[in-house]
Amino acid sequence: MNQTIECVPAYGRDYNSQAAVREDWEANKDFQIVSVADYGRYINKQDADLGGLSVLIRYAKLQKVMAF
């Protein structure tokens, strides 16, 4: 079963474009989980791939969403 989690940029980062989000996701930078079950934990692309997770990332002051 494929689980989807929602994340935000970690450590105070934010992005203005999908390209910037994709660049940091592909660079394996940390994002913070804001889904109820794992709220507050950190995850990166490697972790998500190992767990078979789909990821929604909120950016631009939480106004936009990008899916991986």
PDB file of N, CA and C in Angstrom:
ATOM      1  N   MET A   1       0.842  -1.184   0.000  1.00  0.00           N
ATOM      2  CA  MET A   1       0.000   0.000   0.000  1.00  0.00           C
ATOM      3  C   MET A   1       0.885   1.245   0.000  1.00  0.00           C
ATOM      4  N   ASN A   2       0.559   2.189  -0.841  1.00  0.00           N
ATOM      5  CA  ASN A   2       1.328   3.416  -0.961  1.00  0.00           C
ATOM      6  C   ASN A   2       0.720   4.490  -0.063  1.00  0.00           C
ATOM      7  N   GLN A   3       1.489   4.959   0.885  1.00  0.00           N
ATOM      8  CA  GLN A   3       1.027   5.978   1.818  1.00  0.00           C
ATOM      9  C   GLN A   3       1.501   7.349   1.343  1.00  0.00           C
ATOM     10  N   THR A   4       0.658   8.364   1.506  1.00  0.00           N
ATOM     11  CA  THR A   4       1.020   9.733   1.154  1.00  0.00           C
ATOM     12  C   THR A   4       1.190  10.539   2.424  1.00  0.00           C
ATOM     13  N   ILE A   5       2.298  11.266   2.505  1.00  0.00           N
ATOM     14  CA  ILE A   5       2.538  12.136   3.647  1.00  0.00           C
ATOM     15  C   ILE A   5       2.689  13.570   3.154  1.00  0.00           C
ATOM     16  N   GLU A   6       2.417  14.505   4.035  1.00  0.00           N
ATOM     17  CA  GLU A   6       2.535  15.922   3.712  1.00  0.00           C
ATOM     18  C   GLU A   6       3.718  16.499   4.474  1.00  0.00           C
ATOM     19  N   CYS A   7       4.524  17.299   3.775  1.00  0.00           N
ATOM     20  CA  CYS A   7       5.742  17.861   4.365  1.00  0.00           C
ATOM     21  C   CYS A   7       5.863  19.345   4.056  1.00  0.00           C
ATOM     22  N   VAL A   8       6.720  19.992   4.831  1.00  0.00           N
ATOM     23  CA  VAL A   8       7.099  21.389   4.594  1.00  0.00           C
ATOM     24  C   VAL A   8       8.623  21.462   4.626  1.00  0.00           C
ATOM     25  N   PRO A   9       9.210  22.483   4.031  1.00  0.00           N
ATOM     26  CA  PRO A   9      10.666  22.621   4.087  1.00  0.00           C
ATOM     27  C   PRO A   9      11.144  22.701   5.538  1.00  0.00           C
ATOM     28  N   ALA A  10      12.253  22.052   5.834  1.00  0.00           N
ATOM     29  CA  ALA A  10      12.792  22.024   7.198  1.00  0.00           C
ATOM     30  C   ALA A  10      13.717  23.206   7.457  1.00  0.00           C
ATOM     31  N   TYR A  11      13.938  23.454   8.737  1.00  0.00           N
ATOM     32  CA  TYR A  11      14.931  24.424   9.205  1.00  0.00           C
ATOM     33  C   TYR A  11      14.678  25.842   8.692  1.00  0.00           C
ATOM     34  N   GLY A  12      13.407  26.218   8.530  1.00  0.00           N
ATOM     35  CA  GLY A  12      13.062  27.583   8.146  1.00  0.00           C
ATOM     36  C   GLY A  12      13.165  27.892   6.662  1.00  0.00           C
ATOM     37  N   ARG A  13      13.492  26.886   5.841  1.00  0.00           N
ATOM     38  CA  ARG A  13      13.576  27.143   4.399  1.00  0.00           C
ATOM     39  C   ARG A  13      12.180  27.338   3.830  1.00  0.00           C
ATOM     40  N   ASP A  14      12.107  28.050   2.694  1.00  0.00           N
ATOM     41  CA  ASP A  14      10.880  28.172   1.912  1.00  0.00           C
ATOM     42  C   ASP A  14      11.301  28.339   0.458  1.00  0.00           C
ATOM     43  N   TYR A  15      10.389  28.118  -0.439  1.00  0.00           N
ATOM     44  CA  TYR A  15      10.690  28.174  -1.867  1.00  0.00           C
ATOM     45  C   TYR A  15       9.641  29.014  -2.578  1.00  0.00           C
ATOM     46  N   ASN A  16      10.049  29.595  -3.708  1.00  0.00           N
ATOM     47  CA  ASN A  16       9.128  30.376  -4.530  1.00  0.00           C
ATOM     48  C   ASN A  16       8.771  29.664  -5.824  1.00  0.00           C
ATOM     49  N   SER A  17       9.433  28.547  -6.116  1.00  0.00           N
ATOM     50  CA  SER A  17       9.180  27.855  -7.378  1.00  0.00           C
ATOM     51  C   SER A  17       9.263  26.340  -7.205  1.00  0.00           C
ATOM     52  N   GLN A  18       8.588  25.641  -8.118  1.00  0.00           N
ATOM     53  CA  GLN A  18       8.665  24.180  -8.119  1.00  0.00           C
ATOM     54  C   GLN A  18      10.078  23.710  -8.421  1.00  0.00           C
ATOM     55  N   ALA A  19      10.783  24.446  -9.264  1.00  0.00           N
ATOM     56  CA  ALA A  19      12.159  24.065  -9.611  1.00  0.00           C
ATOM     57  C   ALA A  19      13.050  24.049  -8.372  1.00  0.00           C
ATOM     58  N   ALA A  20      12.881  25.021  -7.499  1.00  0.00           N
ATOM     59  CA  ALA A  20      13.686  25.088  -6.274  1.00  0.00           C
ATOM     60  C   ALA A  20      13.335  23.938  -5.334  1.00  0.00           C
ATOM     61  N   VAL A  21      12.043  23.606  -5.241  1.00  0.00           N
ATOM     62  CA  VAL A  21      11.614  22.476  -4.406  1.00  0.00           C
ATOM     63  C   VAL A  21      12.230  21.189  -4.948  1.00  0.00           C
ATOM     64  N   ARG A  22      12.100  20.974  -6.248  1.00  0.00           N
ATOM     65  CA  ARG A  22      12.625  19.754  -6.874  1.00  0.00           C
ATOM     66  C   ARG A  22      14.143  19.644  -6.683  1.00  0.00           C
ATOM     67  N   GLU A  23      14.848  20.752  -6.833  1.00  0.00           N
ATOM     68  CA  GLU A  23      16.306  20.747  -6.684  1.00  0.00           C
ATOM     69  C   GLU A  23      16.722  20.272  -5.289  1.00  0.00           C
ATOM     70  N   ASP A  24      16.075  20.800  -4.251  1.00  0.00           N
ATOM     71  CA  ASP A  24      16.427  20.393  -2.887  1.00  0.00           C
ATOM     72  C   ASP A  24      15.947  18.982  -2.568  1.00  0.00           C
ATOM     73  N   TRP A  25      14.789  18.574  -3.105  1.00  0.00           N
ATOM     74  CA  TRP A  25      14.306  17.211  -2.895  1.00  0.00           C
ATOM     75  C   TRP A  25      15.292  16.222  -3.522  1.00  0.00           C
ATOM     76  N   GLU A  26      15.713  16.492  -4.753  1.00  0.00           N
ATOM     77  CA  GLU A  26      16.657  15.615  -5.442  1.00  0.00           C
ATOM     78  C   GLU A  26      18.031  15.629  -4.769  1.00  0.00           C
ATOM     79  N   ALA A  27      18.369  16.729  -4.083  1.00  0.00           N
ATOM     80  CA  ALA A  27      19.643  16.832  -3.363  1.00  0.00           C
ATOM     81  C   ALA A  27      19.570  16.168  -1.988  1.00  0.00           C
ATOM     82  N   ASN A  28      18.430  15.543  -1.690  1.00  0.00           N
ATOM     83  CA  ASN A  28      18.239  14.795  -0.443  1.00  0.00           C
ATOM     84  C   ASN A  28      18.221  15.690   0.793  1.00  0.00           C
ATOM     85  N   LYS A  29      17.764  16.927   0.647  1.00  0.00           N
ATOM     86  CA  LYS A  29      17.652  17.813   1.807  1.00  0.00           C
ATOM     87  C   LYS A  29      16.452  17.392   2.645  1.00  0.00           C
ATOM     88  N   ASP A  30      16.477  17.745   3.919  1.00  0.00           N
ATOM     89  CA  ASP A  30      15.409  17.358   4.842  1.00  0.00           C
ATOM     90  C   ASP A  30      14.162  18.212   4.673  1.00  0.00           C
ATOM     91  N   PHE A  31      13.014  17.558   4.867  1.00  0.00           N
ATOM     92  CA  PHE A  31      11.716  18.203   4.935  1.00  0.00           C
ATOM     93  C   PHE A  31      11.046  17.686   6.200  1.00  0.00           C
ATOM     94  N   GLN A  32      10.173  18.494   6.783  1.00  0.00           N
ATOM     95  CA  GLN A  32       9.521  18.104   8.030  1.00  0.00           C
ATOM     96  C   GLN A  32       8.116  17.602   7.740  1.00  0.00           C
ATOM     97  N   ILE A  33       7.790  16.452   8.316  1.00  0.00           N
ATOM     98  CA  ILE A  33       6.470  15.853   8.125  1.00  0.00           C
ATOM     99  C   ILE A  33       5.443  16.611   8.956  1.00  0.00           C
ATOM    100  N   VAL A  34       4.317  16.966   8.322  1.00  0.00           N
ATOM    101  CA  VAL A  34       3.232  17.635   9.043  1.00  0.00           C
ATOM    102  C   VAL A  34       1.952  16.805   9.024  1.00  0.00           C
ATOM    103  N   SER A  35       2.043  15.568   8.527  1.00  0.00           N
ATOM    104  CA  SER A  35       0.918  14.640   8.605  1.00  0.00           C
ATOM    105  C   SER A  35       0.761  14.205  10.057  1.00  0.00           C
ATOM    106  N   VAL A  36      -0.437  13.877  10.449  1.00  0.00           N
ATOM    107  CA  VAL A  36      -0.742  13.579  11.848  1.00  0.00           C
ATOM    108  C   VAL A  36       0.116  12.457  12.428  1.00  0.00           C
ATOM    109  N   ALA A  37       0.231  11.343  11.728  1.00  0.00           N
ATOM    110  CA  ALA A  37       0.906  10.168  12.304  1.00  0.00           C
ATOM    111  C   ALA A  37       2.383  10.410  12.632  1.00  0.00           C
ATOM    112  N   ASP A  38       3.084  11.127  11.806  1.00  0.00           N
ATOM    113  CA  ASP A  38       4.531  11.322  11.995  1.00  0.00           C
ATOM    114  C   ASP A  38       4.902  12.785  12.180  1.00  0.00           C
ATOM    115  N   TYR A  39       3.987  13.584  12.686  1.00  0.00           N
ATOM    116  CA  TYR A  39       4.184  15.030  12.793  1.00  0.00           C
ATOM    117  C   TYR A  39       5.513  15.373  13.470  1.00  0.00           C
ATOM    118  N   GLY A  40       6.276  16.243  12.817  1.00  0.00           N
ATOM    119  CA  GLY A  40       7.515  16.736  13.396  1.00  0.00           C
ATOM    120  C   GLY A  40       8.764  15.973  12.999  1.00  0.00           C
ATOM    121  N   ARG A  41       8.613  14.756  12.509  1.00  0.00           N
ATOM    122  CA  ARG A  41       9.788  13.987  12.081  1.00  0.00           C
ATOM    123  C   ARG A  41      10.314  14.552  10.766  1.00  0.00           C
ATOM    124  N   TYR A  42      11.568  14.273  10.482  1.00  0.00           N
ATOM    125  CA  TYR A  42      12.193  14.738   9.250  1.00  0.00           C
ATOM    126  C   TYR A  42      12.308  13.592   8.258  1.00  0.00           C
ATOM    127  N   ILE A  43      12.241  13.943   6.975  1.00  0.00           N
ATOM    128  CA  ILE A  43      12.332  12.947   5.915  1.00  0.00           C
ATOM    129  C   ILE A  43      13.039  13.584   4.727  1.00  0.00           C
ATOM    130  N   ASN A  44      13.684  12.750   3.927  1.00  0.00           N
ATOM    131  CA  ASN A  44      14.276  13.217   2.678  1.00  0.00           C
ATOM    132  C   ASN A  44      13.906  12.220   1.578  1.00  0.00           C
ATOM    133  N   LYS A  45      14.368  12.479   0.366  1.00  0.00           N
ATOM    134  CA  LYS A  45      14.006  11.633  -0.770  1.00  0.00           C
ATOM    135  C   LYS A  45      14.412  10.178  -0.543  1.00  0.00           C
ATOM    136  N   GLN A  46      15.603   9.969  -0.020  1.00  0.00           N
ATOM    137  CA  GLN A  46      16.084   8.607   0.220  1.00  0.00           C
ATOM    138  C   GLN A  46      15.156   7.862   1.178  1.00  0.00           C
ATOM    139  N   ASP A  47      14.750   8.513   2.262  1.00  0.00           N
ATOM    140  CA  ASP A  47      13.843   7.885   3.228  1.00  0.00           C
ATOM    141  C   ASP A  47      12.502   7.551   2.582  1.00  0.00           C
ATOM    142  N   ALA A  48      11.965   8.493   1.811  1.00  0.00           N
ATOM    143  CA  ALA A  48      10.663   8.291   1.170  1.00  0.00           C
ATOM    144  C   ALA A  48      10.724   7.143   0.169  1.00  0.00           C
ATOM    145  N   ASP A  49      11.796   7.087  -0.603  1.00  0.00           N
ATOM    146  CA  ASP A  49      11.948   6.003  -1.576  1.00  0.00           C
ATOM    147  C   ASP A  49      12.042   4.642  -0.888  1.00  0.00           C
ATOM    148  N   LEU A  50      12.802   4.567   0.194  1.00  0.00           N
ATOM    149  CA  LEU A  50      12.939   3.303   0.926  1.00  0.00           C
ATOM    150  C   LEU A  50      11.612   2.846   1.521  1.00  0.00           C
ATOM    151  N   GLY A  51      10.796   3.807   1.966  1.00  0.00           N
ATOM    152  CA  GLY A  51       9.513   3.474   2.563  1.00  0.00           C
ATOM    153  C   GLY A  51       8.380   3.355   1.568  1.00  0.00           C
ATOM    154  N   GLY A  52       8.656   3.610   0.290  1.00  0.00           N
ATOM    155  CA  GLY A  52       7.609   3.550  -0.730  1.00  0.00           C
ATOM    156  C   GLY A  52       6.537   4.600  -0.529  1.00  0.00           C
ATOM    157  N   LEU A  53       6.926   5.772  -0.044  1.00  0.00           N
ATOM    158  CA  LEU A  53       5.976   6.830   0.284  1.00  0.00           C
ATOM    159  C   LEU A  53       5.808   7.827  -0.851  1.00  0.00           C
ATOM    160  N   SER A  54       4.593   8.317  -1.009  1.00  0.00           N
ATOM    161  CA  SER A  54       4.329   9.468  -1.868  1.00  0.00           C
ATOM    162  C   SER A  54       4.380  10.693  -0.975  1.00  0.00           C
ATOM    163  N   VAL A  55       4.903  11.797  -1.501  1.00  0.00           N
ATOM    164  CA  VAL A  55       5.112  12.982  -0.677  1.00  0.00           C
ATOM    165  C   VAL A  55       4.480  14.200  -1.330  1.00  0.00           C
ATOM    166  N   LEU A  56       3.736  14.956  -0.534  1.00  0.00           N
ATOM    167  CA  LEU A  56       3.232  16.270  -0.930  1.00  0.00           C
ATOM    168  C   LEU A  56       4.043  17.297  -0.164  1.00  0.00           C
ATOM    169  N   ILE A  57       4.622  18.261  -0.867  1.00  0.00           N
ATOM    170  CA  ILE A  57       5.415  19.297  -0.213  1.00  0.00           C
ATOM    171  C   ILE A  57       4.723  20.639  -0.386  1.00  0.00           C
ATOM    172  N   ARG A  58       4.433  21.282   0.738  1.00  0.00           N
ATOM    173  CA  ARG A  58       3.856  22.625   0.730  1.00  0.00           C
ATOM    174  C   ARG A  58       4.996  23.631   0.743  1.00  0.00           C
ATOM    175  N   TYR A  59       4.868  24.677  -0.077  1.00  0.00           N
ATOM    176  CA  TYR A  59       5.898  25.708  -0.152  1.00  0.00           C
ATOM    177  C   TYR A  59       5.243  27.052  -0.456  1.00  0.00           C
ATOM    178  N   ALA A  60       6.035  28.103  -0.635  1.00  0.00           N
ATOM    179  CA  ALA A  60       5.537  29.465  -0.880  1.00  0.00           C
ATOM    180  C   ALA A  60       4.590  29.876   0.246  1.00  0.00           C
ATOM    181  N   LYS A  61       5.128  29.825   1.465  1.00  0.00           N
ATOM    182  CA  LYS A  61       4.360  30.154   2.675  1.00  0.00           C
ATOM    183  C   LYS A  61       3.117  29.277   2.795  1.00  0.00           C
ATOM    184  N   LEU A  62       3.284  27.998   2.432  1.00  0.00           N
ATOM    185  CA  LEU A  62       2.252  26.949   2.530  1.00  0.00           C
ATOM    186  C   LEU A  62       1.091  27.143   1.563  1.00  0.00           C
ATOM    187  N   GLN A  63       1.232  28.015   0.568  1.00  0.00           N
ATOM    188  CA  GLN A  63       0.141  28.297  -0.363  1.00  0.00           C
ATOM    189  C   GLN A  63       0.140  27.400  -1.593  1.00  0.00           C
ATOM    190  N   LYS A  64       1.268  26.748  -1.892  1.00  0.00           N
ATOM    191  CA  LYS A  64       1.366  25.894  -3.074  1.00  0.00           C
ATOM    192  C   LYS A  64       1.783  24.491  -2.649  1.00  0.00           C
ATOM    193  N   VAL A  65       1.451  23.507  -3.504  1.00  0.00           N
ATOM    194  CA  VAL A  65       1.762  22.109  -3.196  1.00  0.00           C
ATOM    195  C   VAL A  65       2.397  21.454  -4.416  1.00  0.00           C
ATOM    196  N   MET A  66       3.385  20.616  -4.153  1.00  0.00           N
ATOM    197  CA  MET A  66       4.033  19.837  -5.206  1.00  0.00           C
ATOM    198  C   MET A  66       4.075  18.383  -4.766  1.00  0.00           C
ATOM    199  N   ALA A  67       3.832  17.469  -5.699  1.00  0.00           N
ATOM    200  CA  ALA A  67       3.796  16.039  -5.368  1.00  0.00           C
ATOM    201  C   ALA A  67       5.003  15.306  -5.932  1.00  0.00           C
ATOM    202  N   PHE A  68       5.496  14.337  -5.152  1.00  0.00           N
ATOM    203  CA  PHE A  68       6.568  13.430  -5.584  1.00  0.00           C
ATOM    204  C   PHE A  68       6.114  12.015  -5.343  1.00  0.00           C
TER     205      PHE A  68
END
